[in-house]
Protein backbone atom coordinates (compact mmCIF):
# COMPACT_ATOMS: atom_id res chain seq x y z
CA MET A 1 49.58 12.55 28.32
CA SER A 2 48.96 11.21 24.85
CA TYR A 3 48.93 7.45 23.82
CA ALA A 4 52.08 7.73 22.04
CA TYR A 5 53.99 9.30 24.88
CA SER A 6 52.53 6.62 27.31
CA GLU A 7 53.66 3.59 25.32
CA ASP A 8 56.72 5.09 23.63
CA GLN A 9 58.29 6.96 26.68
CA LEU A 10 57.14 4.56 29.46
CA VAL A 11 57.62 1.21 27.89
CA GLU A 12 59.31 1.05 24.55
CA GLN A 13 62.12 3.61 25.44
CA PRO A 14 63.07 1.75 28.74
CA ALA A 15 63.05 -1.49 26.80
CA ILE A 16 65.38 -0.19 24.21
CA GLN A 17 67.66 1.10 27.05
CA LEU A 18 67.78 -2.09 28.66
CA PHE A 19 68.67 -3.83 25.32
CA ALA A 20 71.65 -1.44 24.91
CA GLU A 21 72.81 -2.25 28.59
CA MET A 22 72.81 -5.94 27.65
CA GLY A 23 75.26 -5.42 24.85
CA TRP A 24 72.72 -4.90 21.70
CA GLN A 25 73.25 -2.30 19.15
CA THR A 26 69.88 -0.24 18.92
CA VAL A 27 68.59 1.54 15.91
CA SER A 28 65.20 3.13 14.93
CA ALA A 29 63.58 2.38 11.57
CA GLN A 30 60.86 4.89 11.93
CA GLU A 31 62.50 7.02 9.08
CA GLU A 32 64.39 4.10 7.49
CA VAL A 33 66.42 4.96 4.47
CA PHE A 34 66.66 1.91 2.05
CA GLY A 35 69.51 0.82 -0.23
CA VAL A 36 72.96 0.06 0.24
CA GLY A 37 74.42 2.31 2.98
CA GLY A 38 70.92 2.98 4.35
CA THR A 39 69.55 2.55 7.59
CA LEU A 40 69.43 -1.29 7.63
CA GLY A 41 70.78 -2.06 4.19
CA ARG A 42 67.37 -3.34 3.16
CA GLU A 43 66.31 -2.68 -0.59
CA THR A 44 62.58 -2.90 0.26
CA LYS A 45 60.04 -3.38 3.04
CA GLY A 46 59.47 -7.00 1.94
CA GLU A 47 62.88 -8.12 3.25
CA ALA A 48 62.77 -9.42 6.84
CA VAL A 49 66.44 -10.51 6.65
CA LEU A 50 69.16 -7.92 6.91
CA ALA A 51 71.36 -9.29 4.34
CA PRO A 52 74.43 -7.33 4.91
CA ARG A 53 74.68 -8.21 8.48
CA LEU A 54 74.02 -11.82 7.44
CA ARG A 55 76.90 -11.78 5.06
CA ALA A 56 79.27 -10.05 7.31
CA ALA A 57 78.46 -12.69 10.01
CA LEU A 58 78.87 -15.77 7.88
CA GLU A 59 82.15 -14.39 6.55
CA ARG A 60 83.34 -13.63 10.09
CA LEU A 61 82.26 -17.32 11.33
CA ASN A 62 83.50 -19.10 8.43
CA PRO A 63 86.55 -17.38 7.39
CA SER A 64 87.97 -20.37 5.24
CA LEU A 65 84.95 -20.63 3.02
CA PRO A 66 85.07 -18.78 -0.63
CA PRO A 67 82.53 -16.14 -1.27
CA GLU A 68 80.30 -18.21 -3.66
CA ALA A 69 79.70 -20.57 -0.66
CA ILE A 70 78.63 -17.51 1.49
CA SER A 71 76.33 -16.32 -1.20
CA ALA A 72 74.99 -19.87 -1.68
CA THR A 73 74.38 -19.80 2.12
CA ILE A 74 72.48 -16.65 1.99
CA ASP A 75 70.29 -17.87 -0.84
CA ARG A 76 69.40 -20.93 1.16
CA VAL A 77 68.48 -18.53 4.22
CA ILE A 78 66.32 -16.09 2.37
CA LEU A 79 64.67 -18.88 0.28
CA ASP A 80 61.12 -18.13 -0.09
CA ARG A 81 59.30 -20.50 2.36
CA SER A 82 55.55 -19.19 1.72
CA VAL A 83 54.43 -22.55 0.43
CA MET A 84 55.04 -24.19 3.75
CA SER A 85 53.21 -23.68 6.94
CA LEU A 86 54.47 -21.05 9.36
CA ALA A 87 55.49 -23.77 11.89
CA ALA A 88 57.18 -25.90 9.17
CA ALA A 89 59.07 -23.01 7.74
CA ASN A 90 60.26 -22.09 11.11
CA ARG A 91 61.36 -25.74 11.76
CA ASP A 92 63.28 -25.73 8.52
CA VAL A 93 65.04 -22.57 9.49
CA TYR A 94 65.76 -23.63 13.10
CA GLY A 95 67.40 -26.78 11.74
CA PHE A 96 70.12 -24.98 10.07
CA LEU A 97 70.50 -22.28 12.69
CA LYS A 98 71.35 -25.12 15.28
CA GLU A 99 73.38 -27.40 13.01
CA GLY A 100 74.58 -25.22 10.14
CA ILE A 101 73.78 -25.02 6.41
CA PRO A 102 75.59 -27.87 4.24
CA VAL A 103 77.22 -26.31 1.08
CA SER A 104 79.25 -27.71 -1.65
CA VAL A 105 82.96 -26.26 -1.92
CA PRO A 106 86.07 -27.13 -3.80
CA ASP A 107 88.03 -30.05 -2.30
CA PRO A 108 91.76 -28.94 -1.82
CA LYS A 109 92.83 -32.46 -1.95
CA GLY A 110 91.45 -33.27 -5.31
CA ASP A 111 89.35 -31.89 -8.29
CA GLY A 112 85.98 -32.68 -6.89
CA GLN A 113 83.65 -31.01 -4.26
CA LYS A 114 83.14 -31.72 -0.52
CA ILE A 115 80.39 -30.74 1.81
CA GLU A 116 81.03 -28.12 4.46
CA ARG A 117 78.64 -26.96 7.28
CA VAL A 118 78.23 -23.07 7.25
CA ARG A 119 77.71 -21.69 10.81
CA VAL A 120 75.03 -19.25 11.03
CA ILE A 121 75.37 -18.70 14.65
CA ASP A 122 78.22 -19.04 17.17
CA TRP A 123 76.64 -20.91 19.90
CA GLU A 124 79.61 -21.21 22.01
CA ASN A 125 80.84 -17.66 22.02
CA PRO A 126 77.94 -15.30 22.14
CA ALA A 127 79.99 -12.26 21.61
CA ALA A 128 81.07 -13.49 18.27
CA ASN A 129 77.62 -12.82 16.93
CA ASP A 130 75.94 -9.75 15.74
CA PHE A 131 72.88 -8.47 18.01
CA LEU A 132 70.82 -5.50 16.67
CA LEU A 133 67.53 -4.43 18.15
CA VAL A 134 65.34 -2.36 15.72
CA SER A 135 62.46 -0.37 16.74
CA GLN A 136 59.60 0.33 14.44
CA PHE A 137 60.62 -2.06 11.93
CA SER A 138 58.15 -2.02 8.99
CA VAL A 139 57.55 -5.22 7.00
CA THR A 140 55.25 -5.47 3.94
CA GLY A 141 53.70 -8.66 3.20
CA ALA A 142 51.45 -9.92 0.19
CA LEU A 143 48.62 -7.23 1.32
CA TYR A 144 49.58 -5.19 4.29
CA THR A 145 52.46 -3.50 6.01
CA ARG A 146 52.90 -4.13 9.42
CA ARG A 147 55.48 -2.48 12.02
CA PRO A 148 56.14 -4.39 15.25
CA ASP A 149 57.40 -2.24 18.02
CA LEU A 150 60.79 -4.19 18.42
CA VAL A 151 62.60 -6.75 16.57
CA GLY A 152 65.63 -8.26 17.64
CA PHE A 153 68.19 -9.59 15.00
CA VAL A 154 70.93 -12.10 15.48
CA ASN A 155 73.44 -12.11 12.62
CA GLY A 156 70.81 -10.13 10.46
CA LEU A 157 67.96 -12.77 11.44
CA PRO A 158 64.73 -11.52 13.09
CA ILE A 159 64.87 -13.78 16.14
CA ILE A 160 62.78 -11.75 18.56
CA VAL A 161 59.60 -9.92 18.01
CA ILE A 162 58.29 -7.75 20.91
CA GLU A 163 54.88 -5.81 20.89
CA LEU A 164 54.09 -3.38 23.63
CA LYS A 165 51.03 -1.58 25.07
CA LYS A 166 50.89 1.36 27.16
CA PRO A 167 50.47 0.83 30.95
CA GLY A 168 47.18 -0.23 31.98
CA VAL A 169 46.24 -2.01 28.81
CA PRO A 170 46.20 -5.88 29.21
CA ALA A 171 49.16 -7.34 27.53
CA GLN A 172 47.21 -9.96 26.02
CA GLN A 173 45.86 -7.03 23.60
CA ALA A 174 49.35 -7.02 22.12
CA PHE A 175 48.92 -10.71 21.42
CA ASP A 176 45.28 -10.45 20.10
CA ASP A 177 45.57 -7.34 18.11
CA ASN A 178 49.07 -7.41 16.94
CA LEU A 179 51.26 -10.45 17.07
CA THR A 180 48.34 -12.75 15.70
CA CYS A 181 47.72 -10.58 12.71
CA TYR A 182 51.66 -10.14 12.14
CA LYS A 183 51.97 -13.86 11.57
CA SER A 184 49.18 -13.77 9.12
CA ASP A 185 50.12 -10.74 7.26
CA ILE A 186 53.87 -10.79 7.28
CA PRO A 187 54.89 -14.44 7.65
CA GLN A 188 58.26 -13.93 6.41
CA LEU A 189 59.32 -12.26 9.46
CA PHE A 190 58.51 -15.43 11.60
CA TRP A 191 60.21 -17.97 9.46
CA PHE A 192 63.17 -17.06 11.62
CA ASN A 193 61.57 -16.45 14.87
CA GLY A 194 62.76 -17.80 18.15
CA LEU A 195 60.44 -16.22 20.61
CA MET A 196 57.64 -13.54 21.14
CA ILE A 197 56.96 -11.19 23.85
CA ALA A 198 53.70 -9.19 24.74
CA SER A 199 54.10 -6.62 27.61
CA ASN A 200 52.67 -3.54 28.99
CA GLY A 201 55.70 -2.80 31.14
CA THR A 202 54.55 -4.40 34.42
CA GLU A 203 52.79 -7.76 32.84
CA SER A 204 54.95 -9.44 30.45
CA HIS A 205 54.49 -12.97 28.58
CA VAL A 206 56.70 -14.93 26.41
CA GLY A 207 55.69 -17.66 23.93
CA SER A 208 56.71 -19.48 20.87
CA LEU A 209 55.48 -19.26 17.36
CA THR A 210 52.49 -21.64 17.56
CA ALA A 211 51.42 -20.81 21.22
CA ASP A 212 48.17 -19.44 21.93
CA TRP A 213 47.67 -16.98 24.76
CA GLU A 214 47.00 -19.49 27.45
CA ARG A 215 50.65 -20.95 26.64
CA TYR A 216 52.31 -17.57 26.90
CA PHE A 217 54.10 -17.43 30.36
CA GLU A 218 55.71 -15.05 32.62
CA TRP A 219 59.42 -14.91 33.37
CA LYS A 220 59.78 -14.17 37.11
CA ARG A 221 63.38 -14.98 37.99
CA ILE A 222 66.80 -14.40 36.13
CA GLU A 223 69.55 -16.39 37.51
CA ARG A 224 68.43 -18.35 40.58
CA GLU A 225 65.56 -20.30 41.55
CA ASP A 226 65.76 -18.59 45.11
CA GLU A 227 65.35 -15.05 43.78
CA PRO A 228 62.34 -13.19 44.87
CA ARG A 229 59.61 -13.46 42.30
CA ARG A 230 59.22 -10.30 40.10
CA VAL A 231 57.06 -9.86 37.09
CA SER A 232 58.15 -7.11 35.06
CA LEU A 233 59.46 -6.29 31.44
CA GLU A 234 62.94 -5.88 32.79
CA VAL A 235 63.00 -9.36 34.31
CA MET A 236 61.42 -10.78 31.12
CA LEU A 237 64.13 -9.05 28.85
CA ARG A 238 67.22 -9.89 31.06
CA GLY A 239 65.94 -13.46 31.51
CA THR A 240 65.27 -14.14 27.96
CA CYS A 241 66.92 -11.58 25.67
CA GLU A 242 70.42 -11.11 27.44
CA PRO A 243 72.68 -12.71 24.49
CA SER A 244 73.96 -15.64 26.44
CA ARG A 245 70.62 -16.78 27.69
CA LEU A 246 68.82 -16.09 24.50
CA LEU A 247 71.27 -18.39 22.82
CA ASP A 248 71.01 -21.02 25.36
CA LEU A 249 67.19 -20.71 25.01
CA LEU A 250 67.34 -21.09 21.31
CA GLU A 251 69.87 -23.73 21.29
CA ASN A 252 68.84 -26.13 24.07
CA PHE A 253 65.37 -25.16 25.38
CA THR A 254 63.47 -25.09 21.96
CA LEU A 255 61.59 -28.29 20.63
CA PHE A 256 59.21 -29.06 17.75
CA SER A 257 56.79 -31.63 18.63
CA GLU A 258 54.44 -33.65 16.20
CA HIS A 259 50.82 -34.08 17.15
CA LYS A 260 47.58 -35.10 15.36
CA ALA A 261 46.64 -31.34 15.65
CA GLY A 262 49.80 -30.13 13.79
CA LEU A 263 53.41 -29.17 14.60
CA VAL A 264 53.83 -27.49 17.81
CA LYS A 265 56.96 -25.42 18.93
CA VAL A 266 57.86 -25.74 22.38
CA LEU A 267 59.89 -23.01 24.29
CA GLY A 268 61.27 -23.85 27.75
CA GLN A 269 59.65 -21.96 30.56
CA ASN A 270 61.33 -19.99 33.35
CA HIS A 271 61.34 -22.98 35.90
CA GLN A 272 62.53 -25.64 33.30
CA PHE A 273 65.25 -23.28 32.04
CA LEU A 274 66.65 -22.47 35.46
CA GLY A 275 66.03 -26.02 37.02
CA VAL A 276 67.60 -28.05 33.97
CA ASN A 277 70.78 -25.86 34.08
CA ASN A 278 71.22 -26.27 37.63
CA ALA A 279 70.75 -29.95 37.41
CA ILE A 280 73.26 -30.09 34.64
CA ALA A 281 75.77 -27.92 36.68
CA ALA A 282 75.36 -30.26 39.59
CA THR A 283 75.82 -33.41 37.33
CA LEU A 284 79.09 -32.00 36.14
CA VAL A 285 80.31 -31.36 39.68
CA ALA A 286 79.43 -34.84 40.59
CA ARG A 287 81.22 -36.15 37.54
CA LYS A 288 84.26 -34.22 38.37
CA GLN A 289 84.33 -35.29 42.05
CA GLY A 290 83.32 -38.72 41.37
CA HIS A 291 80.55 -39.24 43.89
CA GLY A 292 77.73 -39.92 41.30
CA ARG A 293 75.11 -37.69 42.92
CA GLY A 294 73.78 -35.40 39.99
CA GLY A 295 71.40 -32.66 40.02
CA VAL A 296 67.84 -32.83 41.30
CA PHE A 297 64.86 -30.47 41.15
CA TRP A 298 61.37 -30.73 42.19
CA GLN A 299 58.39 -29.87 39.74
CA THR A 300 54.60 -29.87 40.67
CA GLN A 301 52.00 -31.92 38.49
CA GLY A 302 51.39 -30.35 35.22
CA SER A 303 54.62 -28.34 35.18
CA GLY A 304 56.02 -29.96 32.18
CA LYS A 305 58.52 -32.70 33.96
CA SER A 306 58.57 -34.77 30.67
CA LEU A 307 59.67 -31.90 28.46
CA ALA A 308 62.40 -30.91 31.26
CA MET A 309 63.61 -34.50 30.80
CA VAL A 310 64.20 -33.79 27.16
CA PHE A 311 65.66 -30.51 27.54
CA PHE A 312 68.06 -32.13 30.21
CA ALA A 313 69.12 -35.14 27.85
CA GLN A 314 69.43 -33.07 24.58
CA LYS A 315 71.41 -30.44 26.15
CA ILE A 316 73.87 -32.94 27.88
CA LEU A 317 74.21 -34.81 24.58
CA ARG A 318 74.94 -31.77 22.82
CA LYS A 319 77.06 -29.98 25.22
CA VAL A 320 78.99 -32.29 27.34
CA PRO A 321 81.47 -34.61 25.97
CA GLY A 322 80.89 -38.42 26.96
CA ASN A 323 79.06 -41.49 26.15
CA TRP A 324 76.13 -40.69 27.87
CA THR A 325 73.02 -43.10 28.68
CA PHE A 326 69.81 -41.81 30.34
CA ILE A 327 67.54 -44.15 32.22
CA VAL A 328 64.04 -42.85 33.04
CA VAL A 329 62.55 -44.60 36.30
CA THR A 330 58.86 -44.10 36.92
CA ASP A 331 56.23 -45.71 39.51
CA ARG A 332 53.34 -45.85 37.07
CA VAL A 333 52.93 -47.48 33.61
CA GLU A 334 50.87 -44.40 32.51
CA LEU A 335 53.95 -42.31 33.20
CA ASP A 336 56.21 -44.67 31.01
CA ASP A 337 53.68 -44.18 28.22
CA GLN A 338 53.53 -40.55 28.82
CA ILE A 339 57.17 -39.91 28.83
CA ALA A 340 57.98 -42.09 26.15
CA LYS A 341 55.40 -40.17 24.01
CA THR A 342 56.93 -36.85 24.78
CA PHE A 343 60.56 -37.95 23.67
CA LYS A 344 59.26 -39.65 20.48
CA ALA A 345 56.95 -36.54 19.66
CA CYS A 346 59.83 -34.19 20.06
CA GLY A 347 62.15 -36.46 17.88
CA ALA A 348 64.57 -36.96 20.83
CA VAL A 349 64.59 -40.80 20.39
CA SER A 350 63.42 -43.23 17.81
CA GLU A 351 60.88 -46.07 18.43
CA ALA A 352 63.61 -48.49 19.16
CA GLU A 353 65.39 -46.24 21.64
CA SER A 354 62.32 -45.39 23.70
CA ASP A 355 62.43 -48.48 26.03
CA LEU A 356 62.02 -47.14 29.66
CA CYS A 357 63.12 -48.58 32.92
CA HIS A 358 60.32 -49.64 35.18
CA ALA A 359 60.61 -49.34 39.15
């Protein structure tokens, strides 16, 4: 059996089929035709954004905006960010993905202008977005052309990059040999990145743009914490790339944390994703029934409890109407400092807001 057959038929094609089952459109760019009406509508391999799909999504999500506002938004999206660090460029893009892009439009009530926020992604209704998986997507950088195995586009933006190896080859090789050099050689693909996956079919790991291999992690459960643990590419893809879960991960389980060593992008892990969502569901039940007993979940030492608190608080504030106040109760002063530093590093609170309640 040849290498190409092993990787393509045993890993890549089943992954593509799974994306199709989850509602993604799929297309191969192996023999891409360029230009208007071509395979992806790109003019050159230097383009990482699928502009025709982006324009169509912006028009659909923002029907009241004039064409010039849509064009101004696209210009802002495809802005050359090569002078920025990769992490800073990614944070810049993430801000407008999450909050929309401010553009100036004519004020119908007068002769002046007003600011509107253009929605790039519909977070509330996943089906309103355009999900496209492209296999063998070539991108040309300043010196090299690289071709990731799979790239997942949301509304024309390359949100997911997946690199695959044949069974028996460690998944880490996909990170060491491919993903790492892609970030260096074709950075424009990663300005928009939400997550990266390395897999050989049985061993699969997911990580953020700034993560080293030690911070790539497995995804063992899809819907519930009491599921049997399974480590496979199928569990990884269903758990992180099914459209509603992907948007939840991007919107509510992504943080940027400032450290002395630089900017770090944090992606919620499997246990944090399930635990926080279950705790929020229990909180909403308690709120409705009026008994005041919210959700609780247990985590071991070193499992990211402080970050889970940030994910919980930020998702509640963003998604659940109400005048919420959060009190963090600890039994050690060093935990006060640790949790306060985590919230401040992630920009979740200001210095003045970070008073913690001692027990």
